[in-house]
């Protein structure tokens, strides 16, 4: 979340010439931040126990998968349009870092969920 926030602030505070590329980058990073915060709130307040009609692991997996793909695309576009401006390069770099961290989060969630399900079946 911190890397997404730094990427958003870096791009937002620098001067850029290609409005469409960086507005897309800002929208993707801001939407990812909001959705990650939403899932944190769901887990902290245990809302998933009240809303059992939703498959929360699947919803979180799909969010991270779609968000990671969109963040990778936005980071590639931002890096290609940075024109060696330090704020834009920093934003694209933190966008790539956030992409890597999201992939690791998907992998760890999937790994924990599979281990939990496999050990739960045999006990």
Protein backbone atom coordinates (compact mmCIF):
# COMPACT_ATOMS: atom_id res chain seq x y z
CA UNK A 1 0.00 0.00 0.00
CA UNK A 2 2.85 2.35 0.79
CA UNK A 3 4.47 1.79 -2.61
CA UNK A 4 1.15 2.54 -4.33
CA UNK A 5 0.78 5.71 -2.28
CA UNK A 6 4.33 6.84 -3.10
CA UNK A 7 3.76 6.10 -6.80
CA UNK A 8 0.53 8.11 -6.78
CA UNK A 9 2.09 11.07 -4.95
CA UNK A 10 5.20 11.04 -7.19
CA UNK A 11 3.16 11.21 -10.37
CA UNK A 12 0.63 13.64 -8.95
CA UNK A 13 3.25 16.12 -7.77
CA UNK A 14 5.38 16.17 -10.92
CA UNK A 15 4.80 17.97 -14.20
CA UNK A 16 3.73 15.76 -17.08
CA UNK A 17 2.83 16.31 -20.66
CA UNK A 18 0.89 13.16 -21.58
CA UNK A 19 -2.38 13.58 -19.71
CA UNK A 20 -3.99 10.28 -20.70
CA UNK A 21 -1.08 8.06 -19.63
CA UNK A 22 -0.65 9.58 -16.20
CA UNK A 23 -4.33 10.04 -15.44
CA UNK A 24 -4.73 6.30 -16.16
CA UNK A 25 -1.80 5.58 -13.83
CA UNK A 26 -3.34 7.73 -11.10
CA UNK A 27 -6.74 6.10 -11.44
CA UNK A 28 -5.29 2.58 -11.28
CA UNK A 29 -3.12 3.31 -8.24
CA UNK A 30 -5.94 5.08 -6.43
CA UNK A 31 -8.44 2.28 -7.16
CA UNK A 32 -5.94 -0.33 -5.96
CA UNK A 33 -5.37 1.67 -2.77
CA UNK A 34 -9.10 1.92 -2.09
CA UNK A 35 -9.74 -1.77 -2.74
CA UNK A 36 -6.81 -2.90 -0.59
CA UNK A 37 -8.10 -0.66 2.20
CA UNK A 38 -11.58 -2.16 1.73
CA UNK A 39 -10.26 -5.71 2.12
CA UNK A 40 -8.24 -4.67 5.19
CA UNK A 41 -11.41 -3.27 6.78
CA UNK A 42 -13.31 -6.46 5.91
CA UNK A 43 -10.63 -8.55 7.61
CA UNK A 44 -10.08 -6.28 10.62
CA UNK A 45 -13.77 -5.96 11.49
CA UNK A 46 -14.52 -9.54 10.40
CA UNK A 47 -17.26 -8.48 8.03
CA UNK A 48 -16.69 -11.68 6.07
CA UNK A 49 -18.48 -13.55 8.88
CA UNK A 50 -21.63 -11.48 8.35
CA UNK A 51 -21.69 -11.68 4.56
CA UNK A 52 -21.35 -15.38 3.91
CA UNK A 53 -22.95 -15.15 0.46
CA UNK A 54 -19.67 -13.75 -0.92
CA UNK A 55 -16.64 -15.92 -1.45
CA UNK A 56 -14.12 -13.54 0.13
CA UNK A 57 -10.98 -15.49 -0.83
CA UNK A 58 -12.14 -15.56 -4.46
CA UNK A 59 -13.08 -11.87 -4.40
CA UNK A 60 -9.68 -10.94 -2.95
CA UNK A 61 -7.88 -13.16 -5.45
CA UNK A 62 -9.74 -11.62 -8.40
CA UNK A 63 -9.10 -8.12 -7.07
CA UNK A 64 -5.37 -8.73 -6.75
CA UNK A 65 -5.18 -10.45 -10.13
CA UNK A 66 -7.04 -7.75 -12.06
CA UNK A 67 -5.42 -4.93 -10.07
CA UNK A 68 -1.94 -6.35 -10.64
CA UNK A 69 -2.46 -6.67 -14.38
CA UNK A 70 -3.83 -3.12 -14.63
CA UNK A 71 -0.99 -1.81 -12.45
CA UNK A 72 1.60 -3.53 -14.63
CA UNK A 73 0.09 -1.98 -17.75
CA UNK A 74 -0.09 1.45 -16.11
CA UNK A 75 3.52 1.21 -14.93
CA UNK A 76 4.74 0.22 -18.39
CA UNK A 77 2.86 3.12 -19.99
CA UNK A 78 4.12 5.53 -17.31
CA UNK A 79 7.71 4.35 -17.73
CA UNK A 80 7.55 4.72 -21.50
CA UNK A 81 6.14 8.26 -21.27
CA UNK A 82 8.33 9.51 -18.40
CA UNK A 83 10.69 11.61 -20.59
CA UNK A 84 13.42 11.34 -17.89
CA UNK A 85 11.47 13.48 -15.41
CA UNK A 86 12.47 12.27 -11.94
CA UNK A 87 8.99 12.33 -10.41
CA UNK A 88 7.52 10.31 -13.25
CA UNK A 89 10.40 7.83 -13.23
CA UNK A 90 9.95 7.43 -9.46
CA UNK A 91 6.21 6.90 -9.90
CA UNK A 92 6.76 4.25 -12.56
CA UNK A 93 9.45 2.56 -10.43
CA UNK A 94 7.18 2.40 -7.40
CA UNK A 95 4.41 1.17 -9.68
CA UNK A 96 6.61 -1.75 -10.73
CA UNK A 97 7.52 -2.37 -7.08
CA UNK A 98 3.83 -2.41 -6.16
CA UNK A 99 3.19 -4.86 -9.01
CA UNK A 100 5.85 -7.22 -7.66
CA UNK A 101 4.44 -6.91 -4.13
CA UNK A 102 0.92 -7.65 -5.40
CA UNK A 103 2.18 -10.78 -7.19
CA UNK A 104 3.85 -11.89 -3.95
CA UNK A 105 0.62 -11.23 -2.08
CA UNK A 106 -1.35 -13.32 -4.58
CA UNK A 107 1.18 -16.12 -4.26
CA UNK A 108 1.19 -16.07 -0.46
CA UNK A 109 -2.62 -15.92 -0.26
CA UNK A 110 -2.98 -18.81 -2.67
CA UNK A 111 -0.31 -20.81 -0.85
CA UNK A 112 -1.88 -20.24 2.58
CA UNK A 113 -5.36 -20.99 1.28
CA UNK A 114 -4.26 -24.24 -0.38
CA UNK A 115 -2.31 -25.38 2.68
CA UNK A 116 -5.26 -24.57 4.96
CA UNK A 117 -7.71 -26.43 2.75
CA UNK A 118 -5.46 -29.45 2.30
CA UNK A 119 -4.73 -29.82 6.02
CA UNK A 120 -8.37 -29.19 6.93
CA UNK A 121 -9.60 -32.07 4.78
CA UNK A 122 -7.45 -34.69 6.44
CA UNK A 123 -8.12 -33.78 10.08
